Amino acid sequence: MYAVFESDLPDVLDPIRLISKNAARSIVTRWANAGVAYAEPVLANQGRLVRLTPDGEKLVSTGGVPSPTAASGVAATAVHHAMVARTRLRLERDGLSDLVVVGWLSERQWRMENRSRVAAGEQVPDGMARLDNGDLCLVQVGHTRIEFMRIRSIVIDLLGKYETVIVAVPGDIASLVQSTWNEPDLSGPGTDHGGLHLIVI
């Protein structure tokens, strides 16, 4: 997870024994004072957007692959990453239909494993969720109307390549998405869990 909203930190730290919002805020403040995280208010009602500093990234990086760090003033990409993190948390907590999410392949890992597909211009997923029935589902997050409309324009192509596509959007654009969802060229989930799934984050 490249970035996370402070309001999602209780789920990140321990989804079984959730801490309070005040405790999460205190933890973020300690991280910021230690120089390992950078926190700033970006969106209303989300708490601060928390990202790693270069020193913090050194503490958690593995395999010599650097993560995007907290460049101040570059919040738009970090907001998207935080929405992807929220989507992952939501899927890991609630699953998809009656299936459990047992694994997650990040965008970064997907890029590393599919360099030729990236070079060929294939759509890079925001993540891939592995279900307990063995299916691997492409995940795309549209946290703005513009982002969602871009995803909507490629959904048919994505459904041709992946049996299951999950589109995650925040509640403030859910009505726009729902009206698009009902158009005849978009298929909803079938009994085999295939097709297009919408989740609100």
Protein backbone atom coordinates (compact mmCIF):
# COMPACT_ATOMS: atom_id res chain seq x y z
CA MET A 1 0.00 0.00 0.00
CA TYR A 2 1.67 3.20 -1.17
CA ALA A 3 -0.66 5.51 0.77
CA VAL A 4 -3.57 5.23 3.17
CA PHE A 5 -6.15 7.51 4.69
CA GLU A 6 -5.83 7.94 8.41
CA SER A 7 -9.46 6.81 8.75
CA ASP A 8 -8.48 3.42 7.24
CA LEU A 9 -5.49 2.85 9.53
CA PRO A 10 -7.40 0.87 12.18
CA ASP A 11 -8.19 -1.77 9.50
CA VAL A 12 -4.58 -1.74 8.27
CA LEU A 13 -3.03 -2.13 11.71
CA ASP A 14 -5.35 -4.77 13.15
CA PRO A 15 -8.71 -5.54 11.51
CA ILE A 16 -9.65 -7.89 14.35
CA ARG A 17 -9.03 -5.47 17.25
CA LEU A 18 -9.78 -2.04 15.81
CA ILE A 19 -8.21 0.96 17.47
CA SER A 20 -10.00 4.29 17.86
CA LYS A 21 -9.65 7.17 15.40
CA ASN A 22 -7.82 9.14 18.09
CA ALA A 23 -5.35 6.29 18.60
CA ALA A 24 -4.76 6.11 14.82
CA ARG A 25 -4.17 9.86 14.71
CA SER A 26 -1.70 9.57 17.59
CA ILE A 27 0.20 6.79 15.77
CA VAL A 28 0.42 8.88 12.60
CA THR A 29 1.70 11.84 14.61
CA ARG A 30 4.41 9.64 16.15
CA TRP A 31 5.41 8.37 12.68
CA ALA A 32 5.57 11.94 11.36
CA ASN A 33 7.65 13.09 14.36
CA ALA A 34 10.02 10.17 13.75
CA GLY A 35 10.41 11.25 10.11
CA VAL A 36 9.13 8.00 8.61
CA ALA A 37 5.73 9.23 7.39
CA TYR A 38 4.21 12.35 5.96
CA ALA A 39 0.57 13.19 6.75
CA GLU A 40 -1.59 15.94 5.29
CA PRO A 41 -5.28 16.73 5.00
CA VAL A 42 -6.37 16.32 1.37
CA LEU A 43 -10.03 15.22 1.23
CA ALA A 44 -12.77 16.15 3.68
CA ASN A 45 -13.93 13.46 6.13
CA GLN A 46 -11.06 11.09 5.33
CA GLY A 47 -8.53 12.07 7.92
CA ARG A 48 -5.05 12.87 6.81
CA LEU A 49 -3.45 11.18 3.80
CA VAL A 50 -0.51 9.18 5.12
CA ARG A 51 2.53 8.37 2.99
CA LEU A 52 6.03 7.16 3.69
CA THR A 53 9.02 9.47 3.62
CA PRO A 54 12.21 8.19 1.98
CA ASP A 55 13.45 7.14 5.46
CA GLY A 56 10.18 5.32 6.13
CA GLU A 57 10.32 3.58 2.77
CA LYS A 58 13.80 2.22 3.60
CA LEU A 59 12.33 0.55 6.69
CA VAL A 60 9.67 -1.38 4.76
CA SER A 61 11.04 -1.92 1.24
CA THR A 62 11.90 -5.43 0.15
CA GLY A 63 13.64 -6.87 -2.84
CA GLY A 64 15.34 -3.63 -3.80
CA VAL A 65 12.22 -2.30 -5.55
CA PRO A 66 11.54 1.26 -4.39
CA SER A 67 8.03 2.43 -3.55
CA PRO A 68 6.70 5.87 -4.41
CA THR A 69 7.54 8.12 -1.49
CA ALA A 70 5.88 11.18 -0.05
CA ALA A 71 6.72 13.99 -2.40
CA SER A 72 4.87 16.91 -0.88
CA GLY A 73 2.48 18.58 -3.28
CA VAL A 74 1.90 15.43 -5.37
CA ALA A 75 -1.29 14.37 -3.62
CA ALA A 76 -3.44 13.33 -6.62
CA THR A 77 -1.59 10.07 -7.26
CA ALA A 78 -1.36 9.37 -3.53
CA VAL A 79 -5.14 9.82 -3.17
CA HIS A 80 -5.62 7.21 -5.88
CA HIS A 81 -3.22 4.85 -4.09
CA ALA A 82 -5.13 5.40 -0.83
CA MET A 83 -8.40 4.54 -2.58
CA VAL A 84 -6.78 1.37 -3.95
CA ALA A 85 -5.65 0.53 -0.41
CA ARG A 86 -9.23 1.07 0.81
CA THR A 87 -10.52 -1.19 -1.97
CA ARG A 88 -8.09 -3.92 -0.95
CA LEU A 89 -9.14 -3.60 2.71
CA ARG A 90 -12.82 -3.74 1.73
CA LEU A 91 -12.33 -6.85 -0.44
CA GLU A 92 -10.21 -8.62 2.19
CA ARG A 93 -12.81 -7.86 4.85
CA ASP A 94 -16.02 -8.52 2.90
CA GLY A 95 -14.96 -10.73 0.00
CA LEU A 96 -16.79 -10.74 -3.32
CA SER A 97 -20.30 -12.14 -3.29
CA ASP A 98 -19.91 -15.34 -1.25
CA LEU A 99 -16.21 -15.78 -2.01
CA VAL A 100 -13.26 -14.89 0.20
CA VAL A 101 -10.30 -12.83 -1.03
CA VAL A 102 -7.21 -14.84 -0.12
CA GLY A 103 -4.52 -12.84 -1.90
CA TRP A 104 -3.67 -9.55 -3.54
CA LEU A 105 -1.33 -8.76 -6.43
CA SER A 106 -0.34 -5.08 -6.42
CA GLU A 107 -0.04 -2.86 -9.47
CA ARG A 108 3.72 -2.73 -8.94
CA GLN A 109 4.05 -6.51 -8.75
CA TRP A 110 1.81 -6.92 -11.82
CA ARG A 111 4.03 -4.52 -13.76
CA MET A 112 7.15 -6.46 -12.74
CA GLU A 113 5.62 -9.79 -13.79
CA ASN A 114 4.14 -8.47 -17.06
CA ARG A 115 6.76 -6.15 -18.51
CA SER A 116 6.03 -7.18 -22.10
CA ARG A 117 2.31 -6.55 -21.65
CA VAL A 118 3.02 -3.13 -20.14
CA ALA A 119 5.36 -2.32 -23.04
CA ALA A 120 2.60 -3.35 -25.47
CA GLY A 121 0.27 -0.79 -23.88
CA GLU A 122 -2.05 -3.18 -22.05
CA GLN A 123 -4.22 -1.69 -19.31
CA VAL A 124 -2.39 -1.95 -15.97
CA PRO A 125 -4.76 -2.97 -13.16
CA ASP A 126 -4.84 -1.17 -9.83
CA GLY A 127 -4.57 -4.63 -8.33
CA MET A 128 -5.61 -8.25 -8.74
CA ALA A 129 -7.69 -10.03 -6.10
CA ARG A 130 -7.29 -13.79 -5.74
CA LEU A 131 -10.49 -15.53 -4.61
CA ASP A 132 -10.73 -18.76 -2.64
CA ASN A 133 -12.13 -20.53 -5.72
CA GLY A 134 -8.83 -19.82 -7.51
CA ASP A 135 -10.07 -16.97 -9.73
CA LEU A 136 -7.88 -13.91 -10.20
CA CYS A 137 -9.99 -10.75 -10.62
CA LEU A 138 -8.82 -7.51 -12.16
CA VAL A 139 -9.46 -4.48 -9.92
CA GLN A 140 -9.84 -0.91 -11.17
CA VAL A 141 -10.54 2.07 -8.90
CA GLY A 142 -12.27 5.20 -10.15
CA HIS A 143 -12.28 7.74 -7.36
CA THR A 144 -13.43 10.64 -9.55
CA ARG A 145 -16.07 10.96 -12.28
CA ILE A 146 -13.35 11.42 -14.91
CA GLU A 147 -11.47 8.34 -13.72
CA PHE A 148 -14.62 6.28 -13.68
CA MET A 149 -15.60 7.36 -17.21
CA ARG A 150 -12.11 6.35 -18.41
CA ILE A 151 -12.56 2.93 -16.80
CA ARG A 152 -16.07 2.66 -18.23
CA SER A 153 -14.68 3.19 -21.73
CA ILE A 154 -12.39 0.15 -21.41
CA VAL A 155 -14.62 -2.20 -19.37
CA ILE A 156 -15.84 -4.17 -22.39
CA ASP A 157 -12.24 -4.76 -23.48
CA LEU A 158 -11.29 -5.77 -19.93
CA LEU A 159 -14.19 -8.23 -19.73
CA GLY A 160 -12.89 -9.80 -22.94
CA LYS A 161 -9.54 -10.48 -21.24
CA TYR A 162 -10.61 -11.23 -17.67
CA GLU A 163 -13.56 -13.29 -16.51
CA THR A 164 -14.16 -11.03 -13.51
CA VAL A 165 -13.60 -7.28 -13.31
CA ILE A 166 -14.12 -5.36 -10.07
CA VAL A 167 -14.70 -1.61 -10.30
CA ALA A 168 -14.50 0.29 -7.01
CA VAL A 169 -15.83 3.82 -6.56
CA PRO A 170 -16.45 6.10 -3.59
CA GLY A 171 -20.02 6.77 -2.46
CA ASP A 172 -20.12 10.31 -3.81
CA ILE A 173 -20.11 9.08 -7.42
CA ALA A 174 -22.05 5.86 -6.85
CA SER A 175 -25.27 7.25 -8.40
CA LEU A 176 -23.45 8.14 -11.64
CA VAL A 177 -21.91 4.69 -11.70
CA GLN A 178 -25.23 2.99 -10.98
CA SER A 179 -26.89 4.72 -13.94
CA THR A 180 -24.03 3.51 -16.17
CA TRP A 181 -24.22 0.04 -14.62
CA ASN A 182 -27.76 -0.44 -15.92
CA GLU A 183 -26.80 0.08 -19.55
CA PRO A 184 -27.25 -3.09 -21.63
CA ASP A 185 -23.64 -3.39 -22.76
CA LEU A 186 -22.37 -3.92 -19.20
CA SER A 187 -22.99 -7.31 -17.64
CA GLY A 188 -23.51 -7.69 -13.92
CA PRO A 189 -22.19 -10.59 -11.89
CA GLY A 190 -23.51 -13.99 -12.87
CA THR A 191 -23.98 -17.08 -10.74
CA ASP A 192 -20.42 -18.08 -11.60
CA HIS A 193 -19.12 -14.80 -10.11
CA GLY A 194 -17.91 -13.71 -13.54
CA GLY A 195 -18.67 -10.40 -15.19
CA LEU A 196 -18.50 -6.88 -13.84
CA HIS A 197 -18.77 -6.24 -10.09
CA LEU A 198 -19.25 -2.80 -8.59
CA ILE A 199 -18.20 -2.08 -5.02
CA VAL A 200 -18.61 1.18 -3.17
CA ILE A 201 -15.68 2.16 -0.98
